[in-house]
PDB file of all heavy atoms in Angstrom:
ATOM      1  N   ILE A   1     -58.315 -23.108 -10.562  1.00  0.00           N
ATOM      2  CA  ILE A   1     -58.072 -23.082 -12.121  1.00  0.00           C
ATOM      3  C   ILE A   1     -56.732 -23.024 -12.568  1.00  0.00           C
ATOM      4  O   ILE A   1     -56.149 -23.700 -13.346  1.00  0.00           O
ATOM      5  CB  ILE A   1     -59.101 -22.024 -12.762  1.00  0.00           C
ATOM      6  CG1 ILE A   1     -60.494 -22.503 -12.554  1.00  0.00           C
ATOM      7  CG2 ILE A   1     -58.748 -21.929 -14.237  1.00  0.00           C
ATOM      8  CD1 ILE A   1     -61.523 -21.334 -12.956  1.00  0.00           C
ATOM      9  N   SER A   2     -56.011 -21.975 -11.860  1.00  0.00           N
ATOM     10  CA  SER A   2     -54.555 -21.751 -12.208  1.00  0.00           C
ATOM     11  C   SER A   2     -53.733 -22.930 -11.804  1.00  0.00           C
ATOM     12  O   SER A   2     -52.767 -23.208 -12.487  1.00  0.00           O
ATOM     13  CB  SER A   2     -54.131 -20.556 -11.406  1.00  0.00           C
ATOM     14  OG  SER A   2     -52.770 -20.218 -11.573  1.00  0.00           O
ATOM     15  N   PHE A   3     -54.018 -23.632 -10.542  1.00  0.00           N
ATOM     16  CA  PHE A   3     -53.303 -24.793 -10.136  1.00  0.00           C
ATOM     17  C   PHE A   3     -53.452 -25.806 -11.220  1.00  0.00           C
ATOM     18  O   PHE A   3     -52.457 -26.447 -11.566  1.00  0.00           O
ATOM     19  CB  PHE A   3     -53.856 -25.218  -8.827  1.00  0.00           C
ATOM     20  CG  PHE A   3     -53.382 -26.690  -8.487  1.00  0.00           C
ATOM     21  CD1 PHE A   3     -52.024 -26.858  -8.088  1.00  0.00           C
ATOM     22  CD2 PHE A   3     -54.262 -27.679  -8.515  1.00  0.00           C
ATOM     23  CE1 PHE A   3     -51.696 -28.174  -7.725  1.00  0.00           C
ATOM     24  CE2 PHE A   3     -53.806 -29.034  -8.213  1.00  0.00           C
ATOM     25  CZ  PHE A   3     -52.582 -29.231  -7.742  1.00  0.00           C
ATOM     26  N   TYR A   4     -54.633 -26.164 -11.665  1.00  0.00           N
ATOM     27  CA  TYR A   4     -54.828 -27.255 -12.630  1.00  0.00           C
ATOM     28  C   TYR A   4     -54.130 -26.894 -14.083  1.00  0.00           C
ATOM     29  O   TYR A   4     -53.566 -27.747 -14.690  1.00  0.00           O
ATOM     30  CB  TYR A   4     -56.332 -27.535 -12.880  1.00  0.00           C
ATOM     31  CG  TYR A   4     -56.864 -28.299 -11.724  1.00  0.00           C
ATOM     32  CD1 TYR A   4     -57.886 -27.664 -11.008  1.00  0.00           C
ATOM     33  CD2 TYR A   4     -56.370 -29.410 -11.211  1.00  0.00           C
ATOM     34  CE1 TYR A   4     -58.479 -28.364  -9.859  1.00  0.00           C
ATOM     35  CE2 TYR A   4     -56.905 -30.117 -10.071  1.00  0.00           C
ATOM     36  CZ  TYR A   4     -57.934 -29.579  -9.510  1.00  0.00           C
ATOM     37  OH  TYR A   4     -58.424 -30.182  -8.281  1.00  0.00           O
ATOM     38  N   GLU A   5     -54.286 -25.584 -14.366  1.00  0.00           N
ATOM     39  CA  GLU A   5     -53.591 -25.212 -15.625  1.00  0.00           C
ATOM     40  C   GLU A   5     -52.034 -25.328 -15.604  1.00  0.00           C
ATOM     41  O   GLU A   5     -51.453 -25.719 -16.599  1.00  0.00           O
ATOM     42  CB  GLU A   5     -54.005 -23.806 -16.022  1.00  0.00           C
ATOM     43  CG  GLU A   5     -55.426 -23.616 -16.408  1.00  0.00           C
ATOM     44  CD  GLU A   5     -55.796 -22.141 -16.840  1.00  0.00           C
ATOM     45  OE1 GLU A   5     -55.077 -21.192 -16.297  1.00  0.00           O
ATOM     46  OE2 GLU A   5     -56.738 -21.932 -17.567  1.00  0.00           O
ATOM     47  N   SER A   6     -51.541 -25.172 -14.418  1.00  0.00           N
ATOM     48  CA  SER A   6     -50.138 -25.371 -14.232  1.00  0.00           C
ATOM     49  C   SER A   6     -49.714 -26.827 -14.388  1.00  0.00           C
ATOM     50  O   SER A   6     -48.557 -27.243 -14.570  1.00  0.00           O
ATOM     51  CB  SER A   6     -49.545 -24.867 -12.945  1.00  0.00           C
ATOM     52  OG  SER A   6     -50.099 -25.589 -11.814  1.00  0.00           O
ATOM     53  N   GLY A   7     -50.699 -27.710 -14.203  1.00  0.00           N
ATOM     54  CA  GLY A   7     -50.563 -29.170 -14.336  1.00  0.00           C
ATOM     55  C   GLY A   7     -50.946 -29.633 -15.659  1.00  0.00           C
ATOM     56  O   GLY A   7     -51.241 -30.833 -15.901  1.00  0.00           O
ATOM     57  N   ASN A   8     -50.957 -28.725 -16.659  1.00  0.00           N
ATOM     58  CA  ASN A   8     -51.239 -29.055 -18.120  1.00  0.00           C
ATOM     59  C   ASN A   8     -52.752 -29.404 -18.308  1.00  0.00           C
ATOM     60  O   ASN A   8     -53.042 -30.192 -19.284  1.00  0.00           O
ATOM     61  CB  ASN A   8     -50.331 -30.227 -18.539  1.00  0.00           C
ATOM     62  CG  ASN A   8     -48.947 -29.765 -18.549  1.00  0.00           C
ATOM     63  OD1 ASN A   8     -48.612 -28.681 -18.999  1.00  0.00           O
ATOM     64  ND2 ASN A   8     -47.963 -30.628 -18.135  1.00  0.00           N
ATOM     65  N   PHE A   9     -53.663 -29.136 -17.414  1.00  0.00           N
ATOM     66  CA  PHE A   9     -55.044 -29.164 -17.682  1.00  0.00           C
ATOM     67  C   PHE A   9     -55.437 -28.076 -18.567  1.00  0.00           C
ATOM     68  O   PHE A   9     -55.004 -26.875 -18.454  1.00  0.00           O
ATOM     69  CB  PHE A   9     -55.921 -29.252 -16.401  1.00  0.00           C
ATOM     70  CG  PHE A   9     -55.879 -30.568 -15.712  1.00  0.00           C
ATOM     71  CD1 PHE A   9     -54.754 -30.890 -15.002  1.00  0.00           C
ATOM     72  CD2 PHE A   9     -57.007 -31.368 -15.784  1.00  0.00           C
ATOM     73  CE1 PHE A   9     -54.760 -32.116 -14.305  1.00  0.00           C
ATOM     74  CE2 PHE A   9     -57.001 -32.639 -15.167  1.00  0.00           C
ATOM     75  CZ  PHE A   9     -55.827 -32.983 -14.412  1.00  0.00           C
ATOM     76  N   ILE A  10     -56.468 -28.342 -19.455  1.00  0.00           N
ATOM     77  CA  ILE A  10     -57.016 -27.252 -20.305  1.00  0.00           C
ATOM     78  C   ILE A  10     -58.461 -27.119 -20.050  1.00  0.00           C
ATOM     79  O   ILE A  10     -59.196 -27.970 -19.551  1.00  0.00           O
ATOM     80  CB  ILE A  10     -56.781 -27.523 -21.810  1.00  0.00           C
ATOM     81  CG1 ILE A  10     -57.508 -28.815 -22.182  1.00  0.00           C
ATOM     82  CG2 ILE A  10     -55.326 -27.558 -22.093  1.00  0.00           C
ATOM     83  CD1 ILE A  10     -57.523 -29.158 -23.688  1.00  0.00           C
ATOM     84  N   GLN A  11     -59.062 -25.858 -20.272  1.00  0.00           N
ATOM     85  CA  GLN A  11     -60.451 -25.619 -20.100  1.00  0.00           C
ATOM     86  C   GLN A  11     -61.134 -26.039 -21.333  1.00  0.00           C
ATOM     87  O   GLN A  11     -60.921 -25.712 -22.443  1.00  0.00           O
ATOM     88  CB  GLN A  11     -60.698 -24.091 -19.816  1.00  0.00           C
ATOM     89  CG  GLN A  11     -60.071 -23.570 -18.558  1.00  0.00           C
ATOM     90  CD  GLN A  11     -60.504 -22.175 -18.220  1.00  0.00           C
ATOM     91  OE1 GLN A  11     -61.663 -21.767 -18.435  1.00  0.00           O
ATOM     92  NE2 GLN A  11     -59.627 -21.395 -17.546  1.00  0.00           N
ATOM     93  N   ASP A  12     -62.167 -26.845 -21.112  1.00  0.00           N
ATOM     94  CA  ASP A  12     -62.978 -27.407 -22.246  1.00  0.00           C
ATOM     95  C   ASP A  12     -64.342 -26.712 -22.347  1.00  0.00           C
ATOM     96  O   ASP A  12     -65.048 -26.917 -23.454  1.00  0.00           O
ATOM     97  CB  ASP A  12     -63.294 -28.916 -21.984  1.00  0.00           C
ATOM     98  CG  ASP A  12     -62.008 -29.784 -21.905  1.00  0.00           C
ATOM     99  OD1 ASP A  12     -61.156 -29.461 -22.747  1.00  0.00           O
ATOM    100  OD2 ASP A  12     -61.962 -30.652 -21.098  1.00  0.00           O
ATOM    101  N   GLY A  13     -64.740 -25.980 -21.378  1.00  0.00           N
ATOM    102  CA  GLY A  13     -66.136 -25.240 -21.455  1.00  0.00           C
ATOM    103  C   GLY A  13     -66.616 -24.991 -20.119  1.00  0.00           C
ATOM    104  O   GLY A  13     -65.945 -25.068 -19.099  1.00  0.00           O
ATOM    105  N   VAL A  14     -67.803 -24.605 -20.146  1.00  0.00           N
ATOM    106  CA  VAL A  14     -68.512 -24.139 -18.881  1.00  0.00           C
ATOM    107  C   VAL A  14     -69.846 -24.907 -18.792  1.00  0.00           C
ATOM    108  O   VAL A  14     -70.656 -25.121 -19.756  1.00  0.00           O
ATOM    109  CB  VAL A  14     -68.809 -22.707 -18.921  1.00  0.00           C
ATOM    110  CG1 VAL A  14     -69.765 -22.371 -17.697  1.00  0.00           C
ATOM    111  CG2 VAL A  14     -67.484 -21.840 -18.803  1.00  0.00           C
ATOM    112  N   ARG A  15     -70.203 -25.440 -17.580  1.00  0.00           N
ATOM    113  CA  ARG A  15     -71.403 -26.163 -17.347  1.00  0.00           C
ATOM    114  C   ARG A  15     -72.316 -25.067 -16.452  1.00  0.00           C
ATOM    115  O   ARG A  15     -71.983 -25.003 -15.172  1.00  0.00           O
ATOM    116  CB  ARG A  15     -71.213 -27.416 -16.558  1.00  0.00           C
ATOM    117  CG  ARG A  15     -72.450 -28.234 -16.340  1.00  0.00           C
ATOM    118  CD  ARG A  15     -72.123 -29.686 -15.854  1.00  0.00           C
ATOM    119  NE  ARG A  15     -71.452 -30.504 -16.857  1.00  0.00           N
ATOM    120  CZ  ARG A  15     -70.998 -31.675 -16.716  1.00  0.00           C
ATOM    121  NH1 ARG A  15     -70.943 -32.189 -15.552  1.00  0.00           N
ATOM    122  NH2 ARG A  15     -70.343 -32.289 -17.682  1.00  0.00           N
ATOM    123  N   PRO A  16     -73.331 -24.496 -17.063  1.00  0.00           N
ATOM    124  CA  PRO A  16     -74.100 -23.589 -16.332  1.00  0.00           C
ATOM    125  C   PRO A  16     -74.819 -24.130 -15.200  1.00  0.00           C
ATOM    126  O   PRO A  16     -75.327 -25.162 -15.061  1.00  0.00           O
ATOM    127  CB  PRO A  16     -75.157 -23.096 -17.455  1.00  0.00           C
ATOM    128  CG  PRO A  16     -74.507 -23.387 -18.724  1.00  0.00           C
ATOM    129  CD  PRO A  16     -73.810 -24.669 -18.454  1.00  0.00           C
ATOM    130  N   ASN A  17     -74.712 -23.330 -14.088  1.00  0.00           N
ATOM    131  CA  ASN A  17     -75.445 -23.566 -12.777  1.00  0.00           C
ATOM    132  C   ASN A  17     -75.170 -24.930 -12.214  1.00  0.00           C
ATOM    133  O   ASN A  17     -76.037 -25.661 -11.753  1.00  0.00           O
ATOM    134  CB  ASN A  17     -76.983 -23.384 -12.999  1.00  0.00           C
ATOM    135  CG  ASN A  17     -77.319 -21.951 -13.413  1.00  0.00           C
ATOM    136  OD1 ASN A  17     -76.626 -20.932 -12.920  1.00  0.00           O
ATOM    137  ND2 ASN A  17     -78.351 -21.869 -14.326  1.00  0.00           N
ATOM    138  N   PHE A  18     -73.893 -25.380 -12.363  1.00  0.00           N
ATOM    139  CA  PHE A  18     -73.634 -26.750 -12.003  1.00  0.00           C
ATOM    140  C   PHE A  18     -73.497 -26.930 -10.525  1.00  0.00           C
ATOM    141  O   PHE A  18     -73.792 -27.935  -9.981  1.00  0.00           O
ATOM    142  CB  PHE A  18     -72.167 -27.096 -12.670  1.00  0.00           C
ATOM    143  CG  PHE A  18     -71.694 -28.460 -12.290  1.00  0.00           C
ATOM    144  CD1 PHE A  18     -72.374 -29.606 -12.915  1.00  0.00           C
ATOM    145  CD2 PHE A  18     -70.674 -28.637 -11.386  1.00  0.00           C
ATOM    146  CE1 PHE A  18     -71.853 -30.886 -12.520  1.00  0.00           C
ATOM    147  CE2 PHE A  18     -70.263 -29.934 -11.080  1.00  0.00           C
ATOM    148  CZ  PHE A  18     -70.791 -31.078 -11.659  1.00  0.00           C
ATOM    149  N   TYR A  19     -73.080 -25.893  -9.826  1.00  0.00           N
ATOM    150  CA  TYR A  19     -72.931 -25.983  -8.354  1.00  0.00           C
ATOM    151  C   TYR A  19     -74.099 -25.365  -7.640  1.00  0.00           C
ATOM    152  O   TYR A  19     -74.726 -24.476  -8.085  1.00  0.00           O
ATOM    153  CB  TYR A  19     -71.597 -25.248  -7.980  1.00  0.00           C
ATOM    154  CG  TYR A  19     -70.349 -25.940  -8.333  1.00  0.00           C
ATOM    155  CD1 TYR A  19     -69.640 -25.569  -9.494  1.00  0.00           C
ATOM    156  CD2 TYR A  19     -69.874 -27.056  -7.610  1.00  0.00           C
ATOM    157  CE1 TYR A  19     -68.558 -26.169  -9.867  1.00  0.00           C
ATOM    158  CE2 TYR A  19     -68.723 -27.741  -7.959  1.00  0.00           C
ATOM    159  CZ  TYR A  19     -68.048 -27.289  -9.107  1.00  0.00           C
ATOM    160  OH  TYR A  19     -66.849 -27.899  -9.425  1.00  0.00           O
ATOM    161  N   ASP A  20     -74.399 -25.893  -6.424  1.00  0.00           N
ATOM    162  CA  ASP A  20     -75.308 -25.346  -5.537  1.00  0.00           C
ATOM    163  C   ASP A  20     -74.586 -24.661  -4.322  1.00  0.00           C
ATOM    164  O   ASP A  20     -73.358 -24.901  -4.160  1.00  0.00           O
ATOM    165  CB  ASP A  20     -76.267 -26.385  -4.973  1.00  0.00           C
ATOM    166  CG  ASP A  20     -77.139 -27.095  -6.049  1.00  0.00           C
ATOM    167  OD1 ASP A  20     -77.523 -26.278  -6.961  1.00  0.00           O
ATOM    168  OD2 ASP A  20     -77.303 -28.241  -6.148  1.00  0.00           O
ATOM    169  N   ASN A  21     -75.232 -23.964  -3.531  1.00  0.00           N
ATOM    170  CA  ASN A  21     -74.855 -23.451  -2.290  1.00  0.00           C
ATOM    171  C   ASN A  21     -73.469 -22.812  -2.263  1.00  0.00           C
ATOM    172  O   ASN A  21     -72.457 -23.297  -1.674  1.00  0.00           O
ATOM    173  CB  ASN A  21     -74.766 -24.545  -1.312  1.00  0.00           C
ATOM    174  CG  ASN A  21     -74.560 -24.145   0.176  1.00  0.00           C
ATOM    175  OD1 ASN A  21     -75.012 -23.055   0.484  1.00  0.00           O
ATOM    176  ND2 ASN A  21     -74.013 -24.987   1.006  1.00  0.00           N
ATOM    177  N   PRO A  22     -73.230 -21.673  -3.042  1.00  0.00           N
ATOM    178  CA  PRO A  22     -74.227 -20.997  -3.783  1.00  0.00           C
ATOM    179  C   PRO A  22     -74.287 -21.534  -5.367  1.00  0.00           C
ATOM    180  O   PRO A  22     -73.367 -22.254  -5.725  1.00  0.00           O
ATOM    181  CB  PRO A  22     -73.661 -19.521  -3.929  1.00  0.00           C
ATOM    182  CG  PRO A  22     -72.205 -19.760  -3.847  1.00  0.00           C
ATOM    183  CD  PRO A  22     -71.873 -20.947  -2.935  1.00  0.00           C
ATOM    184  N   VAL A  23     -75.332 -21.197  -6.024  1.00  0.00           N
ATOM    185  CA  VAL A  23     -75.550 -21.644  -7.434  1.00  0.00           C
ATOM    186  C   VAL A  23     -74.342 -20.928  -8.209  1.00  0.00           C
ATOM    187  O   VAL A  23     -74.130 -19.705  -8.103  1.00  0.00           O
ATOM    188  CB  VAL A  23     -76.739 -21.120  -7.954  1.00  0.00           C
ATOM    189  CG1 VAL A  23     -76.840 -21.490  -9.443  1.00  0.00           C
ATOM    190  CG2 VAL A  23     -77.930 -21.979  -7.229  1.00  0.00           C
ATOM    191  N   GLU A  24     -73.613 -21.727  -9.056  1.00  0.00           N
ATOM    192  CA  GLU A  24     -72.482 -21.144  -9.713  1.00  0.00           C
ATOM    193  C   GLU A  24     -72.177 -22.052 -11.013  1.00  0.00           C
ATOM    194  O   GLU A  24     -72.347 -23.249 -10.924  1.00  0.00           O
ATOM    195  CB  GLU A  24     -71.337 -21.051  -8.872  1.00  0.00           C
ATOM    196  CG  GLU A  24     -70.060 -20.288  -9.541  1.00  0.00           C
ATOM    197  CD  GLU A  24     -68.882 -20.096  -8.499  1.00  0.00           C
ATOM    198  OE1 GLU A  24     -69.199 -20.310  -7.290  1.00  0.00           O
ATOM    199  OE2 GLU A  24     -67.884 -19.680  -8.902  1.00  0.00           O
ATOM    200  N   ASP A  25     -71.569 -21.524 -11.966  1.00  0.00           N
ATOM    201  CA  ASP A  25     -71.245 -22.294 -13.152  1.00  0.00           C
ATOM    202  C   ASP A  25     -69.998 -23.151 -12.829  1.00  0.00           C
ATOM    203  O   ASP A  25     -69.188 -22.689 -11.861  1.00  0.00           O
ATOM    204  CB  ASP A  25     -70.866 -21.444 -14.328  1.00  0.00           C
ATOM    205  CG  ASP A  25     -72.074 -20.586 -14.892  1.00  0.00           C
ATOM    206  OD1 ASP A  25     -73.104 -20.938 -14.570  1.00  0.00           O
ATOM    207  OD2 ASP A  25     -71.847 -19.684 -15.757  1.00  0.00           O
ATOM    208  N   GLY A  26     -69.894 -24.229 -13.517  1.00  0.00           N
ATOM    209  CA  GLY A  26     -68.725 -25.069 -13.333  1.00  0.00           C
ATOM    210  C   GLY A  26     -67.821 -25.041 -14.606  1.00  0.00           C
ATOM    211  O   GLY A  26     -68.362 -25.190 -15.752  1.00  0.00           O
ATOM    212  N   VAL A  27     -66.532 -24.906 -14.414  1.00  0.00           N
ATOM    213  CA  VAL A  27     -65.512 -24.846 -15.470  1.00  0.00           C
ATOM    214  C   VAL A  27     -65.075 -26.319 -15.709  1.00  0.00           C
ATOM    215  O   VAL A  27     -64.566 -27.001 -14.744  1.00  0.00           O
ATOM    216  CB  VAL A  27     -64.356 -23.928 -15.172  1.00  0.00           C
ATOM    217  CG1 VAL A  27     -63.308 -24.047 -16.294  1.00  0.00           C
ATOM    218  CG2 VAL A  27     -64.772 -22.521 -14.917  1.00  0.00           C
ATOM    219  N   LEU A  28     -65.217 -26.834 -16.884  1.00  0.00           N
ATOM    220  CA  LEU A  28     -64.796 -28.146 -17.291  1.00  0.00           C
ATOM    221  C   LEU A  28     -63.390 -28.058 -17.699  1.00  0.00           C
ATOM    222  O   LEU A  28     -62.962 -27.283 -18.619  1.00  0.00           O
ATOM    223  CB  LEU A  28     -65.671 -28.698 -18.464  1.00  0.00           C
ATOM    224  CG  LEU A  28     -67.241 -28.672 -18.156  1.00  0.00           C
ATOM    225  CD1 LEU A  28     -67.947 -29.127 -19.418  1.00  0.00           C
ATOM    226  CD2 LEU A  28     -67.588 -29.676 -17.060  1.00  0.00           C
ATOM    227  N   MET A  29     -62.465 -29.029 -17.115  1.00  0.00           N
ATOM    228  CA  MET A  29     -61.154 -29.123 -17.482  1.00  0.00           C
ATOM    229  C   MET A  29     -60.735 -30.387 -17.708  1.00  0.00           C
ATOM    230  O   MET A  29     -61.340 -31.425 -17.174  1.00  0.00           O
ATOM    231  CB  MET A  29     -60.301 -28.432 -16.357  1.00  0.00           C
ATOM    232  CG  MET A  29     -60.623 -26.941 -15.927  1.00  0.00           C
ATOM    233  SD  MET A  29     -59.553 -26.307 -14.804  1.00  0.00           S
ATOM    234  CE  MET A  29     -58.140 -25.926 -15.901  1.00  0.00           C
ATOM    235  N   SER A  30     -59.668 -30.723 -18.540  1.00  0.00           N
ATOM    236  CA  SER A  30     -59.267 -32.042 -18.778  1.00  0.00           C
ATOM    237  C   SER A  30     -57.743 -32.115 -19.060  1.00  0.00           C
ATOM    238  O   SER A  30     -57.112 -31.024 -19.448  1.00  0.00           O
ATOM    239  CB  SER A  30     -60.014 -32.696 -19.917  1.00  0.00           C
ATOM    240  OG  SER A  30     -59.712 -32.106 -21.115  1.00  0.00           O
ATOM    241  N   ARG A  31     -57.154 -33.189 -18.943  1.00  0.00           N
ATOM    242  CA  ARG A  31     -55.790 -33.417 -19.269  1.00  0.00           C
ATOM    243  C   ARG A  31     -55.599 -34.790 -19.949  1.00  0.00           C
ATOM    244  O   ARG A  31     -55.980 -35.894 -19.451  1.00  0.00           O
ATOM    245  CB  ARG A  31     -54.846 -33.367 -17.948  1.00  0.00           C
ATOM    246  CG  ARG A  31     -53.471 -33.874 -18.201  1.00  0.00           C
ATOM    247  CD  ARG A  31     -52.445 -33.386 -17.230  1.00  0.00           C
ATOM    248  NE  ARG A  31     -51.247 -33.997 -17.108  1.00  0.00           N
ATOM    249  CZ  ARG A  31     -50.323 -34.308 -18.188  1.00  0.00           C
ATOM    250  NH1 ARG A  31     -50.625 -33.951 -19.405  1.00  0.00           N
ATOM    251  NH2 ARG A  31     -49.255 -34.939 -17.748  1.00  0.00           N
ATOM    252  N   GLU A  32     -55.028 -34.752 -21.152  1.00  0.00           N
ATOM    253  CA  GLU A  32     -54.728 -36.110 -21.818  1.00  0.00           C
ATOM    254  C   GLU A  32     -53.394 -36.532 -21.388  1.00  0.00           C
ATOM    255  O   GLU A  32     -52.422 -35.777 -21.488  1.00  0.00           O
ATOM    256  CB  GLU A  32     -54.745 -35.883 -23.287  1.00  0.00           C
ATOM    257  CG  GLU A  32     -56.181 -35.660 -23.869  1.00  0.00           C
ATOM    258  CD  GLU A  32     -56.253 -35.640 -25.413  1.00  0.00           C
ATOM    259  OE1 GLU A  32     -55.576 -36.551 -25.932  1.00  0.00           O
ATOM    260  OE2 GLU A  32     -56.873 -34.814 -25.992  1.00  0.00           O
ATOM    261  N   LEU A  33     -53.259 -37.803 -20.958  1.00  0.00           N
ATOM    262  CA  LEU A  33     -52.053 -38.365 -20.402  1.00  0.00           C
ATOM    263  C   LEU A  33     -51.183 -38.856 -21.485  1.00  0.00           C
ATOM    264  O   LEU A  33     -51.654 -39.128 -22.566  1.00  0.00           O
ATOM    265  CB  LEU A  33     -52.397 -39.484 -19.464  1.00  0.00           C
ATOM    266  CG  LEU A  33     -53.129 -39.142 -18.231  1.00  0.00           C
ATOM    267  CD1 LEU A  33     -53.482 -40.371 -17.417  1.00  0.00           C
ATOM    268  CD2 LEU A  33     -52.475 -38.100 -17.353  1.00  0.00           C
ATOM    269  N   GLY A  34     -49.935 -38.890 -21.288  1.00  0.00           N
ATOM    270  CA  GLY A  34     -48.988 -39.211 -22.408  1.00  0.00           C
ATOM    271  C   GLY A  34     -48.568 -38.019 -23.247  1.00  0.00           C
ATOM    272  O   GLY A  34     -47.860 -38.308 -24.212  1.00  0.00           O
ATOM    273  N   LYS A  35     -49.031 -36.908 -23.005  1.00  0.00           N
ATOM    274  CA  LYS A  35     -48.750 -35.783 -23.885  1.00  0.00           C
ATOM    275  C   LYS A  35     -47.948 -34.657 -23.063  1.00  0.00           C
ATOM    276  O   LYS A  35     -48.088 -34.628 -21.966  1.00  0.00           O
ATOM    277  CB  LYS A  35     -50.038 -35.166 -24.381  1.00  0.00           C
ATOM    278  CG  LYS A  35     -50.814 -35.988 -25.413  1.00  0.00           C
ATOM    279  CD  LYS A  35     -51.872 -35.249 -26.140  1.00  0.00           C
ATOM    280  CE  LYS A  35     -52.427 -36.119 -27.227  1.00  0.00           C
ATOM    281  NZ  LYS A  35     -53.487 -35.316 -27.927  1.00  0.00           N
TER     282      LYS A  35
END
């Protein structure tokens, strides 16, 4: 998360129980290009 934030990605929200093995929430991140 810190790595992507250093690359100008932002957190958009959380997707509950997105991952398996183990079950875990997924943090949604995005970066708009040209900004």
